[in-house]
Amino acid sequence: MNQISKTEREILVILSKGNKELDSFTLFKRLRTSFAEFSRSVNSLLQKSYIKENGNKVRLTPKGSELVIIGNKSSDGNKQWRNIPDRFVKNSISAYEPYVPSRKLLDESSFKKLNFDIK
């Protein structure tokens, strides 16, 4: 499946929310991006046949609708942003192991309300 940019995805989503067809100027205004980026994205989507252009109207094709519904997922399904870096993974503390918090990391203002002296 072809990978598409964020702007291209936004164009497809905007078209799918409505009547699957919009005037190109209206689409440009709803996208809120530069005209150069808009033109690049529209041309890319036209080449990939996700949209069709009839005069000044831009129409979402069935292939484009399918891409919006399915989403632009990676082929292996591995989401790198969900992986925790090894430097942040620590051994878990047992429920029966005593835990003593660091006094200097505690907030003094919350203990002053309770009349405790943590110094």
C-alpha atoms as a PDB file:
ATOM      1  CA  MET A   1       0.000   0.000   0.000  1.00  0.00           C
ATOM      2  CA  ASN A   2       1.331   3.417  -0.880  1.00  0.00           C
ATOM      3  CA  GLN A   3       2.326   5.573   2.064  1.00  0.00           C
ATOM      4  CA  ILE A   4       0.700   8.988   2.102  1.00  0.00           C
ATOM      5  CA  SER A   5       1.662  12.180   3.909  1.00  0.00           C
ATOM      6  CA  LYS A   6      -0.283  13.817   6.712  1.00  0.00           C
ATOM      7  CA  THR A   7      -1.611  16.526   4.383  1.00  0.00           C
ATOM      8  CA  GLU A   8      -2.777  13.937   1.854  1.00  0.00           C
ATOM      9  CA  ARG A   9      -4.540  12.010   4.625  1.00  0.00           C
ATOM     10  CA  GLU A  10      -6.256  15.208   5.794  1.00  0.00           C
ATOM     11  CA  ILE A  11      -7.500  15.865   2.247  1.00  0.00           C
ATOM     12  CA  LEU A  12      -8.980  12.370   2.071  1.00  0.00           C
ATOM     13  CA  VAL A  13     -10.621  12.730   5.483  1.00  0.00           C
ATOM     14  CA  ILE A  14     -12.121  16.140   4.621  1.00  0.00           C
ATOM     15  CA  LEU A  15     -13.541  14.733   1.390  1.00  0.00           C
ATOM     16  CA  SER A  16     -14.911  11.633   3.129  1.00  0.00           C
ATOM     17  CA  LYS A  17     -16.762  13.658   5.785  1.00  0.00           C
ATOM     18  CA  GLY A  18     -18.925  15.424   3.254  1.00  0.00           C
ATOM     19  CA  ASN A  19     -20.518  14.483  -0.026  1.00  0.00           C
ATOM     20  CA  LYS A  20     -17.216  12.952  -1.238  1.00  0.00           C
ATOM     21  CA  GLU A  21     -16.858  16.005  -3.506  1.00  0.00           C
ATOM     22  CA  LEU A  22     -15.733  19.553  -2.823  1.00  0.00           C
ATOM     23  CA  ASP A  23     -14.728  22.631  -4.742  1.00  0.00           C
ATOM     24  CA  SER A  24     -10.922  22.844  -4.811  1.00  0.00           C
ATOM     25  CA  PHE A  25     -10.918  26.319  -3.208  1.00  0.00           C
ATOM     26  CA  THR A  26     -13.171  25.116  -0.364  1.00  0.00           C
ATOM     27  CA  LEU A  27     -10.921  22.107   0.172  1.00  0.00           C
ATOM     28  CA  PHE A  28      -7.868  24.391   0.250  1.00  0.00           C
ATOM     29  CA  LYS A  29      -9.497  26.666   2.855  1.00  0.00           C
ATOM     30  CA  ARG A  30     -10.571  23.732   5.050  1.00  0.00           C
ATOM     31  CA  LEU A  31      -7.093  22.239   4.910  1.00  0.00           C
ATOM     32  CA  ARG A  32      -5.436  25.404   6.328  1.00  0.00           C
ATOM     33  CA  THR A  33      -2.051  24.839   4.719  1.00  0.00           C
ATOM     34  CA  SER A  34       0.076  26.617   2.154  1.00  0.00           C
ATOM     35  CA  PHE A  35      -1.027  26.562  -1.465  1.00  0.00           C
ATOM     36  CA  ALA A  36       2.226  24.891  -2.529  1.00  0.00           C
ATOM     37  CA  GLU A  37       1.695  22.031  -0.060  1.00  0.00           C
ATOM     38  CA  PHE A  38      -1.952  21.745  -1.099  1.00  0.00           C
ATOM     39  CA  SER A  39      -1.024  21.564  -4.809  1.00  0.00           C
ATOM     40  CA  ARG A  40       1.694  18.970  -4.156  1.00  0.00           C
ATOM     41  CA  SER A  41      -0.679  16.815  -2.124  1.00  0.00           C
ATOM     42  CA  VAL A  42      -3.531  17.020  -4.631  1.00  0.00           C
ATOM     43  CA  ASN A  43      -1.210  16.122  -7.523  1.00  0.00           C
ATOM     44  CA  SER A  44       0.180  13.188  -5.559  1.00  0.00           C
ATOM     45  CA  LEU A  45      -3.322  11.921  -4.752  1.00  0.00           C
ATOM     46  CA  LEU A  46      -4.340  12.319  -8.403  1.00  0.00           C
ATOM     47  CA  GLN A  47      -1.349  10.231  -9.510  1.00  0.00           C
ATOM     48  CA  LYS A  48      -2.182   7.533  -6.959  1.00  0.00           C
ATOM     49  CA  SER A  49      -5.842   7.692  -8.153  1.00  0.00           C
ATOM     50  CA  TYR A  50      -7.269   8.330  -4.675  1.00  0.00           C
ATOM     51  CA  ILE A  51      -9.098  11.407  -5.987  1.00  0.00           C
ATOM     52  CA  LYS A  52     -10.418  12.633  -9.335  1.00  0.00           C
ATOM     53  CA  GLU A  53     -10.583  16.203 -10.549  1.00  0.00           C
ATOM     54  CA  ASN A  54     -13.550  17.340 -12.651  1.00  0.00           C
ATOM     55  CA  GLY A  55     -13.037  20.982 -13.561  1.00  0.00           C
ATOM     56  CA  ASN A  56     -12.714  22.762 -10.240  1.00  0.00           C
ATOM     57  CA  LYS A  57     -14.310  19.913  -8.232  1.00  0.00           C
ATOM     58  CA  VAL A  58     -12.279  17.289  -6.388  1.00  0.00           C
ATOM     59  CA  ARG A  59     -13.985  13.911  -5.897  1.00  0.00           C
ATOM     60  CA  LEU A  60     -12.949  11.015  -3.669  1.00  0.00           C
ATOM     61  CA  THR A  61     -12.626   7.715  -5.556  1.00  0.00           C
ATOM     62  CA  PRO A  62     -13.642   4.320  -4.113  1.00  0.00           C
ATOM     63  CA  LYS A  63      -9.927   3.546  -3.718  1.00  0.00           C
ATOM     64  CA  GLY A  64      -9.539   6.742  -1.658  1.00  0.00           C
ATOM     65  CA  SER A  65     -12.607   5.912   0.441  1.00  0.00           C
ATOM     66  CA  GLU A  66     -11.182   2.485   1.173  1.00  0.00           C
ATOM     67  CA  LEU A  67      -7.910   4.038   2.294  1.00  0.00           C
ATOM     68  CA  VAL A  68      -9.740   6.370   4.691  1.00  0.00           C
ATOM     69  CA  ILE A  69     -11.773   3.508   6.160  1.00  0.00           C
ATOM     70  CA  ILE A  70      -8.909   1.067   6.514  1.00  0.00           C
ATOM     71  CA  GLY A  71      -6.342   3.671   7.443  1.00  0.00           C
ATOM     72  CA  ASN A  72      -2.743   3.953   6.426  1.00  0.00           C
ATOM     73  CA  LYS A  73      -1.363   1.222   8.678  1.00  0.00           C
ATOM     74  CA  SER A  74       2.047  -0.242   8.242  1.00  0.00           C
ATOM     75  CA  SER A  75       2.151  -3.672   6.640  1.00  0.00           C
ATOM     76  CA  ASP A  76       3.665  -5.461   9.639  1.00  0.00           C
ATOM     77  CA  GLY A  77       1.403  -3.781  12.210  1.00  0.00           C
ATOM     78  CA  ASN A  78       4.366  -2.889  14.444  1.00  0.00           C
ATOM     79  CA  LYS A  79       3.860   0.503  16.063  1.00  0.00           C
ATOM     80  CA  GLN A  80       7.289   1.819  16.971  1.00  0.00           C
ATOM     81  CA  TRP A  81       5.905   4.632  19.126  1.00  0.00           C
ATOM     82  CA  ARG A  82       4.448   2.058  21.555  1.00  0.00           C
ATOM     83  CA  ASN A  83       7.797   0.421  22.320  1.00  0.00           C
ATOM     84  CA  ILE A  84       9.363   1.544  25.594  1.00  0.00           C
ATOM     85  CA  PRO A  85      13.099   2.268  25.330  1.00  0.00           C
ATOM     86  CA  ASP A  86      15.251  -0.128  27.338  1.00  0.00           C
ATOM     87  CA  ARG A  87      16.752   2.678  29.406  1.00  0.00           C
ATOM     88  CA  PHE A  88      13.285   3.391  30.882  1.00  0.00           C
ATOM     89  CA  VAL A  89      12.365  -0.216  31.702  1.00  0.00           C
ATOM     90  CA  LYS A  90      13.098  -1.016  35.359  1.00  0.00           C
ATOM     91  CA  ASN A  91      12.532  -4.074  37.484  1.00  0.00           C
ATOM     92  CA  SER A  92       9.070  -3.998  38.987  1.00  0.00           C
ATOM     93  CA  ILE A  93       8.705  -3.739  42.751  1.00  0.00           C
ATOM     94  CA  SER A  94       6.968  -6.593  44.488  1.00  0.00           C
ATOM     95  CA  ALA A  95       3.754  -5.783  46.330  1.00  0.00           C
ATOM     96  CA  TYR A  96       5.308  -7.180  49.512  1.00  0.00           C
ATOM     97  CA  GLU A  97       8.597  -5.298  49.207  1.00  0.00           C
ATOM     98  CA  PRO A  98       8.750  -2.145  51.347  1.00  0.00           C
ATOM     99  CA  TYR A  99       9.018   1.124  49.454  1.00  0.00           C
ATOM    100  CA  VAL A 100      10.621   4.174  51.020  1.00  0.00           C
ATOM    101  CA  PRO A 101      10.166   7.395  49.019  1.00  0.00           C
ATOM    102  CA  SER A 102      12.939   9.951  48.775  1.00  0.00           C
ATOM    103  CA  ARG A 103      12.295  12.830  51.174  1.00  0.00           C
ATOM    104  CA  LYS A 104      13.882  15.462  48.972  1.00  0.00           C
ATOM    105  CA  LEU A 105      11.515  14.564  46.096  1.00  0.00           C
ATOM    106  CA  LEU A 106       8.389  14.999  48.221  1.00  0.00           C
ATOM    107  CA  ASP A 107       6.452  18.234  47.999  1.00  0.00           C
ATOM    108  CA  GLU A 108       6.963  20.193  51.221  1.00  0.00           C
ATOM    109  CA  SER A 109       3.842  22.316  50.767  1.00  0.00           C
ATOM    110  CA  SER A 110       1.499  19.324  50.964  1.00  0.00           C
ATOM    111  CA  PHE A 111       3.074  18.197  54.248  1.00  0.00           C
ATOM    112  CA  LYS A 112       2.945  21.677  55.791  1.00  0.00           C
ATOM    113  CA  LYS A 113      -0.844  21.549  55.476  1.00  0.00           C
ATOM    114  CA  LEU A 114      -0.833  18.347  57.539  1.00  0.00           C
ATOM    115  CA  ASN A 115       1.561  19.821  60.133  1.00  0.00           C
ATOM    116  CA  PHE A 116       4.337  17.324  59.407  1.00  0.00           C
ATOM    117  CA  ASP A 117       7.963  18.325  59.447  1.00  0.00           C
ATOM    118  CA  ILE A 118       9.908  16.516  56.745  1.00  0.00           C
ATOM    119  CA  LYS A 119      13.278  18.181  57.353  1.00  0.00           C
END
